[in-house]
Amino acid sequence: MSDAAAAVVDPVERSTSRPRSSKAALDYLALSGATPISIRPTDAGGSKIWFGKVDARSQVTVWCPEDKARSVTRLARRYAGPGASVTAASAALRKAASDLRVVLTPDTTAMERAAASVVRLEEYFESMRQSGQLQQFNKIYKLRRAEATAMGQSFMTFSAASRKLKVALVPLLVGGDRPAPGKLFAEIFGR
């Protein structure tokens, strides 16, 4: 077995046994560049493999890098063939991921990791609030928006700016870094 094949975990798991109540964890996974690949049974007794959306009816859900999901899904569909059972489709998904050297993370593992990361992100945001860094972020946002308006240009919404801040923080916090707010804000607002 190759190293890449050994890195691919068996994705067969019943993901519907756990409620999908953690929107924050799902949002975090999306922010971190992960996307789900799911296998759901069809009424005809076969299965359907797709990516990009979590469905409560799926029997298998795994996560992979967003930029790899389409190619893994296409190859898995080709390997599985039409009308394949969920078990056969899962085996095809494992083989496709192995052949493309993409690591699949089972849904429960990805959600547990994301939930823990959400806590770290919230703690960091709280520390930013307490130190006045979020106030600085708001001030810079208002200044840049006013400048854009004065020049007759549109500017991102505050929601979009906040999302950019979270997206920028995710890889830094995962790596254990303490980001420099000034540099981070310059990246977000383009200066």
Protein backbone atom coordinates (compact mmCIF):
# COMPACT_ATOMS: atom_id res chain seq x y z
CA MET A 1 0.00 0.00 0.00
CA SER A 2 1.38 3.41 -0.96
CA ASP A 3 1.83 6.22 1.56
CA ALA A 4 -0.99 8.13 -0.09
CA ALA A 5 -3.32 5.15 0.14
CA ALA A 6 -2.41 4.68 3.79
CA ALA A 7 -3.28 8.31 4.48
CA VAL A 8 -6.81 7.85 3.15
CA VAL A 9 -9.11 6.93 5.98
CA ASP A 10 -12.08 4.69 5.50
CA PRO A 11 -14.91 7.18 4.97
CA VAL A 12 -17.73 4.72 5.61
CA GLU A 13 -19.61 6.08 8.57
CA ARG A 14 -23.20 6.86 9.35
CA SER A 15 -23.07 10.62 9.55
CA THR A 16 -26.81 10.96 10.11
CA SER A 17 -26.50 9.63 13.68
CA ARG A 18 -25.33 13.06 14.85
CA PRO A 19 -27.48 16.18 14.60
CA ARG A 20 -26.05 18.87 12.37
CA SER A 21 -26.67 21.63 14.87
CA SER A 22 -23.22 23.17 14.72
CA LYS A 23 -23.57 25.83 12.06
CA ALA A 24 -20.45 27.50 13.47
CA ALA A 25 -18.40 24.35 12.84
CA LEU A 26 -19.76 24.06 9.28
CA ASP A 27 -18.97 27.72 8.67
CA TYR A 28 -15.46 27.20 10.02
CA LEU A 29 -14.90 24.25 7.69
CA ALA A 30 -16.02 26.39 4.75
CA LEU A 31 -13.74 29.24 5.88
CA SER A 32 -10.82 26.85 6.10
CA GLY A 33 -11.26 25.71 2.50
CA ALA A 34 -12.83 22.31 3.17
CA THR A 35 -15.88 20.95 1.42
CA PRO A 36 -17.99 17.83 1.98
CA ILE A 37 -18.32 14.87 -0.34
CA SER A 38 -21.42 12.83 0.40
CA ILE A 39 -22.95 9.56 -0.69
CA ARG A 40 -26.70 9.15 -0.46
CA PRO A 41 -28.86 6.18 -1.40
CA THR A 42 -31.29 6.66 -4.26
CA ASP A 43 -34.87 5.39 -4.44
CA ALA A 44 -33.78 2.91 -7.13
CA GLY A 45 -31.38 1.18 -4.73
CA GLY A 46 -28.21 2.77 -6.02
CA SER A 47 -26.37 5.78 -4.71
CA LYS A 48 -25.43 9.31 -5.62
CA ILE A 49 -22.03 10.90 -4.95
CA TRP A 50 -21.83 14.67 -4.82
CA PHE A 51 -19.83 17.45 -3.20
CA GLY A 52 -20.34 20.90 -1.77
CA LYS A 53 -23.46 20.40 0.32
CA VAL A 54 -24.16 18.55 3.53
CA ASP A 55 -27.38 16.52 3.27
CA ALA A 56 -29.03 14.84 6.27
CA ARG A 57 -30.03 11.92 3.99
CA SER A 58 -26.44 11.04 3.17
CA GLN A 59 -25.05 7.85 4.65
CA VAL A 60 -21.41 8.77 4.06
CA THR A 61 -19.92 12.25 4.42
CA VAL A 62 -16.23 13.07 4.27
CA TRP A 63 -14.36 16.36 3.96
CA CYS A 64 -11.50 17.28 1.63
CA PRO A 65 -9.85 20.43 0.29
CA GLU A 66 -12.34 22.38 -1.78
CA ASP A 67 -10.06 22.55 -4.81
CA LYS A 68 -9.82 18.73 -4.91
CA ALA A 69 -13.48 17.84 -4.33
CA ARG A 70 -14.65 18.03 -7.94
CA SER A 71 -11.90 15.79 -9.31
CA VAL A 72 -12.26 13.23 -6.49
CA THR A 73 -16.04 13.14 -6.96
CA ARG A 74 -15.84 12.75 -10.74
CA LEU A 75 -13.31 9.93 -10.50
CA ALA A 76 -15.32 8.20 -7.75
CA ARG A 77 -18.47 8.37 -9.90
CA ARG A 78 -16.56 6.84 -12.80
CA TYR A 79 -15.14 4.07 -10.60
CA ALA A 80 -18.51 3.34 -8.99
CA GLY A 81 -20.49 3.24 -12.22
CA PRO A 82 -24.24 3.69 -12.50
CA GLY A 83 -26.45 2.16 -9.84
CA ALA A 84 -23.64 1.33 -7.39
CA SER A 85 -24.61 0.62 -3.80
CA VAL A 86 -23.55 3.01 -1.02
CA THR A 87 -20.86 0.51 0.01
CA ALA A 88 -19.52 0.23 -3.56
CA ALA A 89 -19.64 4.01 -3.98
CA SER A 90 -17.73 4.44 -0.71
CA ALA A 91 -15.05 2.03 -1.92
CA ALA A 92 -14.89 3.96 -5.22
CA LEU A 93 -14.53 7.20 -3.27
CA ARG A 94 -11.63 5.78 -1.24
CA LYS A 95 -9.92 4.56 -4.41
CA ALA A 96 -10.41 7.88 -6.20
CA ALA A 97 -8.98 9.80 -3.24
CA SER A 98 -6.04 7.42 -3.03
CA ASP A 99 -5.32 7.64 -6.76
CA LEU A 100 -5.45 11.44 -6.62
CA ARG A 101 -3.48 11.52 -3.36
CA VAL A 102 -6.20 13.42 -1.51
CA VAL A 103 -6.80 12.81 2.19
CA LEU A 104 -10.45 12.41 3.18
CA THR A 105 -11.50 13.28 6.72
CA PRO A 106 -14.61 11.57 8.15
CA ASP A 107 -17.45 13.92 8.96
CA THR A 108 -17.39 13.33 12.73
CA THR A 109 -13.64 13.97 12.92
CA ALA A 110 -13.89 17.12 10.79
CA MET A 111 -16.79 18.45 12.88
CA GLU A 112 -14.99 17.76 16.16
CA ARG A 113 -11.86 19.54 14.95
CA ALA A 114 -13.89 22.44 13.58
CA ALA A 115 -15.84 22.82 16.83
CA ALA A 116 -12.56 23.04 18.77
CA SER A 117 -11.22 25.57 16.27
CA VAL A 118 -14.39 27.65 16.54
CA VAL A 119 -13.73 27.95 20.27
CA ARG A 120 -10.16 29.14 19.58
CA LEU A 121 -11.43 31.64 17.00
CA GLU A 122 -14.06 32.99 19.41
CA GLU A 123 -11.45 33.27 22.17
CA TYR A 124 -9.16 35.19 19.82
CA PHE A 125 -11.99 37.52 18.81
CA GLU A 126 -12.73 38.15 22.48
CA SER A 127 -9.06 38.99 23.10
CA MET A 128 -9.19 41.36 20.09
CA ARG A 129 -12.29 43.00 21.54
CA GLN A 130 -10.71 43.41 24.97
CA SER A 131 -7.48 44.84 23.57
CA GLY A 132 -9.30 47.32 21.32
CA GLN A 133 -8.20 45.67 18.08
CA LEU A 134 -11.78 45.10 16.91
CA GLN A 135 -12.51 48.75 17.56
CA GLN A 136 -9.51 49.57 15.36
CA PHE A 137 -10.87 47.19 12.69
CA ASN A 138 -14.25 48.98 12.79
CA LYS A 139 -12.55 52.39 12.59
CA ILE A 140 -10.45 51.39 9.56
CA TYR A 141 -13.52 49.87 7.89
CA LYS A 142 -15.52 53.10 8.33
CA LEU A 143 -12.61 55.20 7.05
CA ARG A 144 -12.11 53.04 3.92
CA ARG A 145 -15.87 52.97 3.24
CA ALA A 146 -16.05 56.78 3.54
CA GLU A 147 -13.06 57.16 1.20
CA ALA A 148 -14.67 54.86 -1.37
CA THR A 149 -18.00 56.66 -1.11
CA ALA A 150 -16.31 60.05 -1.56
CA MET A 151 -14.74 58.76 -4.80
CA GLY A 152 -18.08 57.38 -5.98
CA GLN A 153 -16.97 53.77 -5.60
CA SER A 154 -18.68 50.91 -3.89
CA PHE A 155 -17.10 49.23 -0.90
CA MET A 156 -17.54 45.84 0.71
CA THR A 157 -20.21 45.43 3.36
CA PHE A 158 -19.20 45.16 7.00
CA SER A 159 -20.33 41.53 6.89
CA ALA A 160 -17.96 40.85 3.99
CA ALA A 161 -15.10 42.61 5.80
CA SER A 162 -15.76 40.55 8.95
CA ARG A 163 -15.77 37.37 6.89
CA LYS A 164 -12.45 38.34 5.30
CA LEU A 165 -11.03 38.86 8.79
CA LYS A 166 -12.16 35.40 9.86
CA VAL A 167 -10.81 33.81 6.67
CA ALA A 168 -7.47 35.49 7.26
CA LEU A 169 -7.38 34.38 10.90
CA VAL A 170 -8.19 30.70 10.29
CA PRO A 171 -4.84 29.54 8.86
CA LEU A 172 -2.91 31.68 11.33
CA LEU A 173 -4.72 30.30 14.36
CA VAL A 174 -4.50 26.71 13.07
CA GLY A 175 -0.74 27.17 12.79
CA GLY A 176 -0.59 28.53 16.34
CA ASP A 177 0.49 32.01 15.21
CA ARG A 178 -0.61 35.25 16.85
CA PRO A 179 -1.43 37.48 13.88
CA ALA A 180 -0.30 41.10 13.76
CA PRO A 181 -3.54 43.10 13.48
CA GLY A 182 -2.05 46.00 11.49
CA LYS A 183 -0.75 43.71 8.77
CA LEU A 184 -3.97 41.68 8.79
CA PHE A 185 -6.17 44.77 8.44
CA ALA A 186 -3.98 46.07 5.59
CA GLU A 187 -4.49 42.77 3.74
CA ILE A 188 -8.25 42.92 4.25
CA PHE A 189 -8.71 46.55 3.27
CA GLY A 190 -6.07 46.63 0.55
CA ARG A 191 -3.47 48.91 2.09
